[in-house]
Amino acid sequence: MSQSVFSEVGRIVAVGDLHGNYAGFKRILQEAGLVDKRGHWKAEDTHLVQLGDILGRGGEPGKIFKLLKRLEAEAPRHGSRVHVLLGNHEAMSMSGLLIYNTMEEFRDLAGQDLLEDGAESPPQEPGEGKRSDLDAKLRKRLDMLGCREFRAALSPRGKVGGWLAGHDSAVSINGCLFVHGGLNRDHGFIPLQDLNDRVRRELCDDGAPHAGKDIMLRRDGPQWNREFTLKPNDEKRRELDEVLAYHACSRMVVGHTPTSCIQPEKSGCILPMYDERLYCIDTGIGKTYGGNLSALNMERGQASALYF
């Protein structure tokens, strides 16, 4: 059973949505003092929290997954830990919903000559017409571009999806709650271990994903919630306080919503809200969103924004 609550950690560095920006992520890790010049973990008594959305909208997510997996193994040797949380793009990709993924991502995750297997499209069934012929050609073209390998890699039993399936949706560290989208009353009054186990069961379910039932795909679920960031008001403040109190936390840190969508004049900046009870740290690290490199540093109960 994985651990979801941690205390007495010397330093926390939280990084928001990456969307495939491998070079940018490496720079954040090095300039934040987490890795050495060769990219190996060096920070003592430090927890790195990556809030999800490693993939989606292009870039090199495969290289990021490989890097994080290695850092997960190296960090404990220094009394440290790496937490990779599940974002909505991980949940969608693992469920076979590839509407935001790109050919660049397919190629990066395939990691091989995409034309080498010479696979042919399935034979046409008797009675199928021109539409089926076009569908078969489209499937073949997507397979050639790496879509098939991508689906296989991200499936719950694939080389990436199987690794992601062992990760959490939310963790508490030093009284700070970290989650990709946010936890409201509907899903926030559940012990974190139970919440994380539920999402894992949904991801590994052999049945088709169900947007109304599976909290990993619900608009108000931990991977998708934007109520605190896009609809701030006194009622949301009370709801936030109630959820934090339930988990014995003083702050919530989220990604998912680019801060440029919350306050356009603060584009590229980490945004504290509700008297610093909530921090939104999706500054648009992905190149599609501007490549704004940042991290939230937390030491001795104080939070500060880092920009690179």
C-alpha atoms as a PDB file:
ATOM      1  CA  MET A   1       0.000   0.000   0.000  1.00  0.00           C
ATOM      2  CA  SER A   2       1.410   3.399  -0.993  1.00  0.00           C
ATOM      3  CA  GLN A   3       1.717   6.252   1.475  1.00  0.00           C
ATOM      4  CA  SER A   4      -0.385   9.388   0.907  1.00  0.00           C
ATOM      5  CA  VAL A   5       0.449  11.561   3.950  1.00  0.00           C
ATOM      6  CA  PHE A   6       3.944  12.797   4.858  1.00  0.00           C
ATOM      7  CA  SER A   7       5.261  15.108   7.586  1.00  0.00           C
ATOM      8  CA  GLU A   8       8.514  16.653   8.788  1.00  0.00           C
ATOM      9  CA  VAL A   9       9.899  17.038   5.272  1.00  0.00           C
ATOM     10  CA  GLY A  10      12.663  19.634   5.052  1.00  0.00           C
ATOM     11  CA  ARG A  11      11.842  21.080   1.653  1.00  0.00           C
ATOM     12  CA  ILE A  12       9.102  20.675  -0.959  1.00  0.00           C
ATOM     13  CA  VAL A  13       9.405  21.694  -4.610  1.00  0.00           C
ATOM     14  CA  ALA A  14       6.175  21.517  -6.600  1.00  0.00           C
ATOM     15  CA  VAL A  15       6.113  21.734 -10.394  1.00  0.00           C
ATOM     16  CA  GLY A  16       2.975  22.199 -12.448  1.00  0.00           C
ATOM     17  CA  ASP A  17       1.790  20.948 -15.827  1.00  0.00           C
ATOM     18  CA  LEU A  18       4.701  20.117 -18.157  1.00  0.00           C
ATOM     19  CA  HIS A  19       2.909  19.198 -21.400  1.00  0.00           C
ATOM     20  CA  GLY A  20       6.006  17.579 -22.860  1.00  0.00           C
ATOM     21  CA  ASN A  21       8.572  20.326 -22.193  1.00  0.00           C
ATOM     22  CA  TYR A  22      11.454  17.992 -21.429  1.00  0.00           C
ATOM     23  CA  ALA A  23      14.245  20.572 -21.796  1.00  0.00           C
ATOM     24  CA  GLY A  24      12.352  23.045 -19.630  1.00  0.00           C
ATOM     25  CA  PHE A  25      11.742  20.469 -16.916  1.00  0.00           C
ATOM     26  CA  LYS A  26      15.426  19.513 -16.821  1.00  0.00           C
ATOM     27  CA  ARG A  27      16.310  23.188 -16.387  1.00  0.00           C
ATOM     28  CA  ILE A  28      13.808  23.570 -13.519  1.00  0.00           C
ATOM     29  CA  LEU A  29      15.251  20.525 -11.741  1.00  0.00           C
ATOM     30  CA  GLN A  30      18.826  21.744 -12.067  1.00  0.00           C
ATOM     31  CA  GLU A  31      18.248  25.404 -11.186  1.00  0.00           C
ATOM     32  CA  ALA A  32      16.065  24.450  -8.219  1.00  0.00           C
ATOM     33  CA  GLY A  33      19.022  22.447  -6.916  1.00  0.00           C
ATOM     34  CA  LEU A  34      17.358  19.044  -7.147  1.00  0.00           C
ATOM     35  CA  VAL A  35      19.754  17.403  -9.627  1.00  0.00           C
ATOM     36  CA  ASP A  36      23.421  17.771 -10.502  1.00  0.00           C
ATOM     37  CA  LYS A  37      24.853  18.772 -13.878  1.00  0.00           C
ATOM     38  CA  ARG A  38      24.498  15.197 -15.118  1.00  0.00           C
ATOM     39  CA  GLY A  39      20.828  15.113 -14.185  1.00  0.00           C
ATOM     40  CA  HIS A  40      21.146  12.814 -11.164  1.00  0.00           C
ATOM     41  CA  TRP A  41      19.300  13.502  -7.921  1.00  0.00           C
ATOM     42  CA  LYS A  42      21.334  15.364  -5.272  1.00  0.00           C
ATOM     43  CA  ALA A  43      18.933  17.213  -2.912  1.00  0.00           C
ATOM     44  CA  GLU A  44      18.755  16.015   0.691  1.00  0.00           C
ATOM     45  CA  ASP A  45      15.490  15.763   2.677  1.00  0.00           C
ATOM     46  CA  THR A  46      13.481  17.152  -0.241  1.00  0.00           C
ATOM     47  CA  HIS A  47      10.229  16.056  -1.855  1.00  0.00           C
ATOM     48  CA  LEU A  48       9.552  16.882  -5.509  1.00  0.00           C
ATOM     49  CA  VAL A  49       5.858  16.954  -6.432  1.00  0.00           C
ATOM     50  CA  GLN A  50       4.999  16.948 -10.130  1.00  0.00           C
ATOM     51  CA  LEU A  51       1.292  17.741 -10.373  1.00  0.00           C
ATOM     52  CA  GLY A  52       0.466  15.824 -13.549  1.00  0.00           C
ATOM     53  CA  ASP A  53      -0.217  16.613 -17.208  1.00  0.00           C
ATOM     54  CA  ILE A  54       3.212  15.442 -18.242  1.00  0.00           C
ATOM     55  CA  LEU A  55       1.799  14.744 -21.675  1.00  0.00           C
ATOM     56  CA  GLY A  56      -0.824  16.301 -23.956  1.00  0.00           C
ATOM     57  CA  ARG A  57      -0.447  18.946 -26.677  1.00  0.00           C
ATOM     58  CA  GLY A  58       2.962  17.887 -27.960  1.00  0.00           C
ATOM     59  CA  GLY A  59       6.545  17.768 -26.772  1.00  0.00           C
ATOM     60  CA  GLU A  60       8.558  14.839 -25.435  1.00  0.00           C
ATOM     61  CA  PRO A  61       6.577  13.190 -22.620  1.00  0.00           C
ATOM     62  CA  GLY A  62       8.333   9.857 -23.068  1.00  0.00           C
ATOM     63  CA  LYS A  63      11.658  11.397 -22.094  1.00  0.00           C
ATOM     64  CA  ILE A  64      10.041  13.027 -19.041  1.00  0.00           C
ATOM     65  CA  PHE A  65       8.495   9.732 -17.906  1.00  0.00           C
ATOM     66  CA  LYS A  66      11.879   8.023 -18.210  1.00  0.00           C
ATOM     67  CA  LEU A  67      13.597  10.815 -16.263  1.00  0.00           C
ATOM     68  CA  LEU A  68      11.028  10.805 -13.458  1.00  0.00           C
ATOM     69  CA  LYS A  69      11.172   7.041 -13.117  1.00  0.00           C
ATOM     70  CA  ARG A  70      14.938   7.234 -12.654  1.00  0.00           C
ATOM     71  CA  LEU A  71      14.698  10.118 -10.170  1.00  0.00           C
ATOM     72  CA  GLU A  72      12.101   8.170  -8.168  1.00  0.00           C
ATOM     73  CA  ALA A  73      14.727   5.477  -7.661  1.00  0.00           C
ATOM     74  CA  GLU A  74      17.583   7.886  -6.879  1.00  0.00           C
ATOM     75  CA  ALA A  75      15.844  10.293  -4.463  1.00  0.00           C
ATOM     76  CA  PRO A  76      15.406   7.876  -1.494  1.00  0.00           C
ATOM     77  CA  ARG A  77      19.188   7.454  -1.310  1.00  0.00           C
ATOM     78  CA  HIS A  78      19.274  11.109  -0.201  1.00  0.00           C
ATOM     79  CA  GLY A  79      16.354  10.898   2.216  1.00  0.00           C
ATOM     80  CA  SER A  80      14.154  12.461  -0.460  1.00  0.00           C
ATOM     81  CA  ARG A  81      11.152  11.447  -2.529  1.00  0.00           C
ATOM     82  CA  VAL A  82       9.526  12.100  -5.918  1.00  0.00           C
ATOM     83  CA  HIS A  83       5.736  12.221  -6.226  1.00  0.00           C
ATOM     84  CA  VAL A  84       4.236  11.998  -9.712  1.00  0.00           C
ATOM     85  CA  LEU A  85       0.533  12.828  -9.517  1.00  0.00           C
ATOM     86  CA  LEU A  86      -2.059  11.916 -12.125  1.00  0.00           C
ATOM     87  CA  GLY A  87      -3.514  14.757 -14.179  1.00  0.00           C
ATOM     88  CA  ASN A  88      -6.500  14.761 -16.490  1.00  0.00           C
ATOM     89  CA  HIS A  89      -4.260  14.154 -19.509  1.00  0.00           C
ATOM     90  CA  GLU A  90      -2.813  11.023 -17.909  1.00  0.00           C
ATOM     91  CA  ALA A  91      -6.331   9.812 -17.085  1.00  0.00           C
ATOM     92  CA  MET A  92      -7.554  10.442 -20.630  1.00  0.00           C
ATOM     93  CA  SER A  93      -4.551   8.879 -22.346  1.00  0.00           C
ATOM     94  CA  MET A  94      -4.641   5.794 -20.122  1.00  0.00           C
ATOM     95  CA  SER A  95      -8.354   5.463 -20.966  1.00  0.00           C
ATOM     96  CA  GLY A  96      -7.645   5.604 -24.715  1.00  0.00           C
ATOM     97  CA  LEU A  97      -9.022   9.144 -25.127  1.00  0.00           C
ATOM     98  CA  LEU A  98      -6.308  10.715 -27.299  1.00  0.00           C
ATOM     99  CA  ILE A  99      -8.096  13.898 -28.363  1.00  0.00           C
ATOM    100  CA  TYR A 100      -5.328  16.199 -27.058  1.00  0.00           C
ATOM    101  CA  ASN A 101      -2.327  14.085 -28.023  1.00  0.00           C
ATOM    102  CA  THR A 102      -0.174  14.832 -31.047  1.00  0.00           C
ATOM    103  CA  MET A 103       1.939  13.013 -33.603  1.00  0.00           C
ATOM    104  CA  GLU A 104       5.011  14.467 -31.895  1.00  0.00           C
ATOM    105  CA  GLU A 105       4.028  12.622 -28.711  1.00  0.00           C
ATOM    106  CA  PHE A 106       3.263   9.417 -30.623  1.00  0.00           C
ATOM    107  CA  ARG A 107       6.755   9.445 -32.117  1.00  0.00           C
ATOM    108  CA  ASP A 108       8.433  10.241 -28.817  1.00  0.00           C
ATOM    109  CA  LEU A 109       6.739   7.429 -26.924  1.00  0.00           C
ATOM    110  CA  ALA A 110       7.057   4.905 -29.723  1.00  0.00           C
ATOM    111  CA  GLY A 111      10.831   5.174 -29.392  1.00  0.00           C
ATOM    112  CA  GLN A 112      11.521   3.190 -32.579  1.00  0.00           C
ATOM    113  CA  ASP A 113      11.377   3.339 -36.365  1.00  0.00           C
ATOM    114  CA  LEU A 114       7.660   3.707 -36.840  1.00  0.00           C
ATOM    115  CA  LEU A 115       7.678   2.039 -40.225  1.00  0.00           C
ATOM    116  CA  GLU A 116       9.793  -0.989 -39.390  1.00  0.00           C
ATOM    117  CA  ASP A 117       7.103  -3.535 -38.555  1.00  0.00           C
ATOM    118  CA  GLY A 118       5.406  -3.204 -41.939  1.00  0.00           C
ATOM    119  CA  ALA A 119       2.047  -3.934 -40.357  1.00  0.00           C
ATOM    120  CA  GLU A 120      -0.827  -4.074 -42.768  1.00  0.00           C
ATOM    121  CA  SER A 121      -4.294  -2.713 -42.089  1.00  0.00           C
ATOM    122  CA  PRO A 122      -6.944  -5.269 -41.098  1.00  0.00           C
ATOM    123  CA  PRO A 123      -8.709  -6.975 -44.019  1.00  0.00           C
ATOM    124  CA  GLN A 124     -11.940  -5.340 -45.072  1.00  0.00           C
ATOM    125  CA  GLU A 125     -15.033  -7.124 -43.878  1.00  0.00           C
ATOM    126  CA  PRO A 126     -17.527  -8.215 -46.525  1.00  0.00           C
ATOM    127  CA  GLY A 127     -20.138  -5.551 -47.182  1.00  0.00           C
ATOM    128  CA  GLU A 128     -18.055  -2.626 -45.941  1.00  0.00           C
ATOM    129  CA  GLY A 129     -18.117   0.347 -48.261  1.00  0.00           C
ATOM    130  CA  LYS A 130     -15.990   3.372 -48.991  1.00  0.00           C
ATOM    131  CA  ARG A 131     -16.332   4.752 -45.458  1.00  0.00           C
ATOM    132  CA  SER A 132     -14.858   1.577 -43.958  1.00  0.00           C
ATOM    133  CA  ASP A 133     -12.070   1.679 -46.512  1.00  0.00           C
ATOM    134  CA  LEU A 134     -11.256   5.260 -45.499  1.00  0.00           C
ATOM    135  CA  ASP A 135     -11.412   4.312 -41.811  1.00  0.00           C
ATOM    136  CA  ALA A 136      -8.984   1.457 -42.418  1.00  0.00           C
ATOM    137  CA  LYS A 137      -6.612   3.788 -44.242  1.00  0.00           C
ATOM    138  CA  LEU A 138      -6.822   6.286 -41.393  1.00  0.00           C
ATOM    139  CA  ARG A 139      -6.086   3.566 -38.826  1.00  0.00           C
ATOM    140  CA  LYS A 140      -3.119   2.418 -40.864  1.00  0.00           C
ATOM    141  CA  ARG A 141      -1.794   5.956 -41.182  1.00  0.00           C
ATOM    142  CA  LEU A 142      -2.157   6.548 -37.430  1.00  0.00           C
ATOM    143  CA  ASP A 143      -0.415   3.236 -36.734  1.00  0.00           C
ATOM    144  CA  MET A 144       2.450   4.278 -39.002  1.00  0.00           C
ATOM    145  CA  LEU A 145       2.780   7.562 -37.102  1.00  0.00           C
ATOM    146  CA  GLY A 146       3.043   5.806 -33.748  1.00  0.00           C
ATOM    147  CA  CYS A 147      -0.529   5.954 -32.456  1.00  0.00           C
ATOM    148  CA  ARG A 148      -0.700   2.204 -31.889  1.00  0.00           C
ATOM    149  CA  GLU A 149       2.550   2.168 -29.886  1.00  0.00           C
ATOM    150  CA  PHE A 150       1.359   5.189 -27.922  1.00  0.00           C
ATOM    151  CA  ARG A 151      -1.930   3.501 -26.995  1.00  0.00           C
ATOM    152  CA  ALA A 152      -0.071   0.343 -25.988  1.00  0.00           C
ATOM    153  CA  ALA A 153       2.462   2.252 -23.893  1.00  0.00           C
ATOM    154  CA  LEU A 154      -0.211   4.293 -22.056  1.00  0.00           C
ATOM    155  CA  SER A 155      -2.639   1.449 -21.437  1.00  0.00           C
ATOM    156  CA  PRO A 156      -2.902   0.432 -17.751  1.00  0.00           C
ATOM    157  CA  ARG A 157      -0.763  -2.616 -18.531  1.00  0.00           C
ATOM    158  CA  GLY A 158       1.675  -0.810 -20.829  1.00  0.00           C
ATOM    159  CA  LYS A 159       5.248   0.234 -20.120  1.00  0.00           C
ATOM    160  CA  VAL A 160       4.183   3.774 -19.158  1.00  0.00           C
ATOM    161  CA  GLY A 161       0.549   3.267 -18.130  1.00  0.00           C
ATOM    162  CA  GLY A 162       1.483   0.385 -15.844  1.00  0.00           C
ATOM    163  CA  TRP A 163       3.988   2.644 -14.098  1.00  0.00           C
ATOM    164  CA  LEU A 164       1.524   5.560 -13.866  1.00  0.00           C
ATOM    165  CA  ALA A 165      -1.174   3.275 -12.461  1.00  0.00           C
ATOM    166  CA  GLY A 166       0.880   2.906  -9.305  1.00  0.00           C
ATOM    167  CA  HIS A 167       0.833   6.651  -8.637  1.00  0.00           C
ATOM    168  CA  ASP A 168      -1.461   8.900  -6.658  1.00  0.00           C
ATOM    169  CA  SER A 169      -3.985  11.600  -7.471  1.00  0.00           C
ATOM    170  CA  ALA A 170      -3.426  13.528  -4.230  1.00  0.00           C
ATOM    171  CA  VAL A 171      -0.858  13.630  -1.427  1.00  0.00           C
ATOM    172  CA  SER A 172      -0.480  15.609   1.789  1.00  0.00           C
ATOM    173  CA  ILE A 173       3.008  16.817   2.746  1.00  0.00           C
ATOM    174  CA  ASN A 174       3.711  18.992   5.783  1.00  0.00           C
ATOM    175  CA  GLY A 175       0.053  19.924   5.991  1.00  0.00           C
ATOM    176  CA  CYS A 176      -0.187  20.943   2.344  1.00  0.00           C
ATOM    177  CA  LEU A 177      -2.577  19.143  -0.016  1.00  0.00           C
ATOM    178  CA  PHE A 178      -1.322  18.571  -3.573  1.00  0.00           C
ATOM    179  CA  VAL A 179      -3.745  17.600  -6.357  1.00  0.00           C
ATOM    180  CA  HIS A 180      -3.917  18.284 -10.078  1.00  0.00           C
ATOM    181  CA  GLY A 181      -7.351  19.915 -10.314  1.00  0.00           C
ATOM    182  CA  GLY A 182      -8.704  20.239  -6.788  1.00  0.00           C
ATOM    183  CA  LEU A 183     -10.793  18.489  -4.164  1.00  0.00           C
ATOM    184  CA  ASN A 184     -14.307  19.760  -3.474  1.00  0.00           C
ATOM    185  CA  ARG A 185     -16.936  18.551  -0.989  1.00  0.00           C
ATOM    186  CA  ASP A 186     -18.025  15.686  -3.264  1.00  0.00           C
ATOM    187  CA  HIS A 187     -14.587  14.061  -3.369  1.00  0.00           C
ATOM    188  CA  GLY A 188     -12.672  15.879  -0.648  1.00  0.00           C
ATOM    189  CA  PHE A 189     -14.244  14.154   2.355  1.00  0.00           C
ATOM    190  CA  ILE A 190     -12.542  10.837   1.584  1.00  0.00           C
ATOM    191  CA  PRO A 191      -9.245   9.654   3.099  1.00  0.00           C
ATOM    192  CA  LEU A 192      -6.517  10.253   0.535  1.00  0.00           C
ATOM    193  CA  GLN A 193      -5.560   6.593   0.400  1.00  0.00           C
ATOM    194  CA  ASP A 194      -9.150   5.624  -0.435  1.00  0.00           C
ATOM    195  CA  LEU A 195      -9.392   8.357  -3.064  1.00  0.00           C
ATOM    196  CA  ASN A 196      -6.127   7.281  -4.691  1.00  0.00           C
ATOM    197  CA  ASP A 197      -7.156   3.623  -4.665  1.00  0.00           C
ATOM    198  CA  ARG A 198     -10.500   4.457  -6.288  1.00  0.00           C
ATOM    199  CA  VAL A 199      -8.859   6.326  -9.170  1.00  0.00           C
ATOM    200  CA  ARG A 200      -6.410   3.457  -9.657  1.00  0.00           C
ATOM    201  CA  ARG A 201      -9.276   0.967  -9.833  1.00  0.00           C
ATOM    202  CA  GLU A 202     -11.039   3.115 -12.427  1.00  0.00           C
ATOM    203  CA  LEU A 203      -7.898   3.398 -14.527  1.00  0.00           C
ATOM    204  CA  CYS A 204      -7.291  -0.351 -14.466  1.00  0.00           C
ATOM    205  CA  ASP A 205     -10.916  -1.312 -15.117  1.00  0.00           C
ATOM    206  CA  ASP A 206     -11.228  -3.349 -18.310  1.00  0.00           C
ATOM    207  CA  GLY A 207     -14.578  -1.734 -19.100  1.00  0.00           C
ATOM    208  CA  ALA A 208     -15.062   1.423 -21.140  1.00  0.00           C
ATOM    209  CA  PRO A 209     -14.429   4.677 -19.228  1.00  0.00           C
ATOM    210  CA  HIS A 210     -17.590   6.322 -17.896  1.00  0.00           C
ATOM    211  CA  ALA A 211     -17.434  10.131 -17.679  1.00  0.00           C
ATOM    212  CA  GLY A 212     -20.420  10.329 -15.325  1.00  0.00           C
ATOM    213  CA  LYS A 213     -19.369   7.573 -12.921  1.00  0.00           C
ATOM    214  CA  ASP A 214     -15.563   7.597 -12.916  1.00  0.00           C
ATOM    215  CA  ILE A 215     -14.280  10.471 -10.813  1.00  0.00           C
ATOM    216  CA  MET A 216     -11.047  10.492 -12.833  1.00  0.00           C
ATOM    217  CA  LEU A 217     -13.080  11.831 -15.790  1.00  0.00           C
ATOM    218  CA  ARG A 218     -15.718  13.901 -13.997  1.00  0.00           C
ATOM    219  CA  ARG A 219     -15.517  17.659 -14.434  1.00  0.00           C
ATOM    220  CA  ASP A 220     -15.635  18.112 -10.658  1.00  0.00           C
ATOM    221  CA  GLY A 221     -13.223  15.247  -9.915  1.00  0.00           C
ATOM    222  CA  PRO A 222      -9.649  15.562  -8.606  1.00  0.00           C
ATOM    223  CA  GLN A 223      -8.164  15.539 -12.109  1.00  0.00           C
ATOM    224  CA  TRP A 224     -10.570  18.124 -13.580  1.00  0.00           C
ATOM    225  CA  ASN A 225     -11.932  20.451 -10.883  1.00  0.00           C
ATOM    226  CA  ARG A 226     -11.634  24.153 -11.717  1.00  0.00           C
ATOM    227  CA  GLU A 227     -14.279  25.495  -9.346  1.00  0.00           C
ATOM    228  CA  PHE A 228     -11.856  27.107  -6.898  1.00  0.00           C
ATOM    229  CA  THR A 229      -9.742  28.767  -9.583  1.00  0.00           C
ATOM    230  CA  LEU A 230     -12.315  29.949 -12.138  1.00  0.00           C
ATOM    231  CA  LYS A 231     -15.283  30.611  -9.817  1.00  0.00           C
ATOM    232  CA  PRO A 232     -13.778  32.147  -6.672  1.00  0.00           C
ATOM    233  CA  ASN A 233     -16.352  33.422  -4.180  1.00  0.00           C
ATOM    234  CA  ASP A 234     -17.166  33.259  -0.481  1.00  0.00           C
ATOM    235  CA  GLU A 235     -18.925  29.900  -0.805  1.00  0.00           C
ATOM    236  CA  LYS A 236     -15.874  28.393  -2.527  1.00  0.00           C
ATOM    237  CA  ARG A 237     -13.711  29.814   0.257  1.00  0.00           C
ATOM    238  CA  ARG A 238     -15.851  27.998   2.832  1.00  0.00           C
ATOM    239  CA  GLU A 239     -15.719  24.791   0.793  1.00  0.00           C
ATOM    240  CA  LEU A 240     -11.944  25.030   0.492  1.00  0.00           C
ATOM    241  CA  ASP A 241     -11.612  25.575   4.240  1.00  0.00           C
ATOM    242  CA  GLU A 242     -13.820  22.552   4.966  1.00  0.00           C
ATOM    243  CA  VAL A 243     -11.825  20.232   2.692  1.00  0.00           C
ATOM    244  CA  LEU A 244      -8.522  21.461   4.105  1.00  0.00           C
ATOM    245  CA  ALA A 245      -9.780  20.994   7.649  1.00  0.00           C
ATOM    246  CA  TYR A 246     -10.888  17.424   6.889  1.00  0.00           C
ATOM    247  CA  HIS A 247      -7.348  16.584   5.734  1.00  0.00           C
ATOM    248  CA  ALA A 248      -5.688  18.608   8.534  1.00  0.00           C
ATOM    249  CA  CYS A 249      -4.049  20.837   5.930  1.00  0.00           C
ATOM    250  CA  SER A 250      -3.547  24.589   5.723  1.00  0.00           C
ATOM    251  CA  ARG A 251      -3.054  24.902   1.952  1.00  0.00           C
ATOM    252  CA  MET A 252      -3.985  23.273  -1.338  1.00  0.00           C
ATOM    253  CA  VAL A 253      -1.659  23.384  -4.358  1.00  0.00           C
ATOM    254  CA  VAL A 254      -3.158  22.729  -7.802  1.00  0.00           C
ATOM    255  CA  GLY A 255      -2.234  22.863 -11.470  1.00  0.00           C
ATOM    256  CA  HIS A 256      -4.612  22.214 -14.385  1.00  0.00           C
ATOM    257  CA  THR A 257      -5.858  25.784 -14.882  1.00  0.00           C
ATOM    258  CA  PRO A 258      -3.285  28.096 -16.499  1.00  0.00           C
ATOM    259  CA  THR A 259      -2.920  31.176 -14.329  1.00  0.00           C
ATOM    260  CA  SER A 260      -3.338  33.266 -17.489  1.00  0.00           C
ATOM    261  CA  CYS A 261      -6.972  32.062 -17.523  1.00  0.00           C
ATOM    262  CA  ILE A 262      -7.505  33.153 -13.913  1.00  0.00           C
ATOM    263  CA  GLN A 263      -5.813  36.552 -14.038  1.00  0.00           C
ATOM    264  CA  PRO A 264      -4.543  37.399 -17.547  1.00  0.00           C
ATOM    265  CA  GLU A 265      -2.338  40.146 -16.145  1.00  0.00           C
ATOM    266  CA  LYS A 266      -0.523  37.439 -14.098  1.00  0.00           C
ATOM    267  CA  SER A 267       0.216  35.226 -17.098  1.00  0.00           C
ATOM    268  CA  GLY A 268       3.237  33.024 -16.419  1.00  0.00           C
ATOM    269  CA  CYS A 269       3.108  33.640 -12.659  1.00  0.00           C
ATOM    270  CA  ILE A 270       2.281  31.336  -9.760  1.00  0.00           C
ATOM    271  CA  LEU A 271      -0.966  32.621  -8.306  1.00  0.00           C
ATOM    272  CA  PRO A 272      -1.889  32.549  -4.581  1.00  0.00           C
ATOM    273  CA  MET A 273      -5.639  32.703  -3.913  1.00  0.00           C
ATOM    274  CA  TYR A 274      -7.938  32.775  -0.866  1.00  0.00           C
ATOM    275  CA  ASP A 275      -5.327  34.486   1.332  1.00  0.00           C
ATOM    276  CA  GLU A 276      -2.681  31.961   0.254  1.00  0.00           C
ATOM    277  CA  ARG A 277      -4.860  29.007   1.220  1.00  0.00           C
ATOM    278  CA  LEU A 278      -4.646  27.854  -2.405  1.00  0.00           C
ATOM    279  CA  TYR A 279      -1.809  28.138  -4.910  1.00  0.00           C
ATOM    280  CA  CYS A 280      -2.311  27.587  -8.628  1.00  0.00           C
ATOM    281  CA  ILE A 281       1.061  26.742 -10.168  1.00  0.00           C
ATOM    282  CA  ASP A 282       0.161  26.002 -13.803  1.00  0.00           C
ATOM    283  CA  THR A 283       2.174  28.852 -15.289  1.00  0.00           C
ATOM    284  CA  GLY A 284       2.264  27.385 -18.795  1.00  0.00           C
ATOM    285  CA  ILE A 285       5.504  25.394 -18.721  1.00  0.00           C
ATOM    286  CA  GLY A 286       4.540  23.543 -21.901  1.00  0.00           C
ATOM    287  CA  LYS A 287       5.808  25.241 -25.053  1.00  0.00           C
ATOM    288  CA  THR A 288       2.245  25.420 -26.362  1.00  0.00           C
ATOM    289  CA  TYR A 289       1.452  27.688 -23.412  1.00  0.00           C
ATOM    290  CA  GLY A 290       4.557  29.867 -23.621  1.00  0.00           C
ATOM    291  CA  GLY A 291       7.263  27.807 -21.907  1.00  0.00           C
ATOM    292  CA  ASN A 292       7.059  29.772 -18.633  1.00  0.00           C
ATOM    293  CA  LEU A 293       9.372  27.817 -16.323  1.00  0.00           C
ATOM    294  CA  SER A 294       8.510  27.892 -12.630  1.00  0.00           C
ATOM    295  CA  ALA A 295       8.257  25.946  -9.372  1.00  0.00           C
ATOM    296  CA  LEU A 296       6.758  26.479  -5.933  1.00  0.00           C
ATOM    297  CA  ASN A 297       9.319  26.204  -3.131  1.00  0.00           C
ATOM    298  CA  MET A 298       8.116  25.402   0.394  1.00  0.00           C
ATOM    299  CA  GLU A 299      10.438  25.464   3.424  1.00  0.00           C
ATOM    300  CA  ARG A 300       9.826  26.102   7.122  1.00  0.00           C
ATOM    301  CA  GLY A 301       6.149  26.764   6.472  1.00  0.00           C
ATOM    302  CA  GLN A 302       6.860  29.486   3.900  1.00  0.00           C
ATOM    303  CA  ALA A 303       5.953  29.302   0.207  1.00  0.00           C
ATOM    304  CA  SER A 304       7.818  31.185  -2.522  1.00  0.00           C
ATOM    305  CA  ALA A 305       7.656  31.217  -6.302  1.00  0.00           C
ATOM    306  CA  LEU A 306      10.725  30.306  -8.344  1.00  0.00           C
ATOM    307  CA  TYR A 307      11.082  31.429 -11.964  1.00  0.00           C
ATOM    308  CA  PHE A 308      13.784  30.322 -14.384  1.00  0.00           C
END
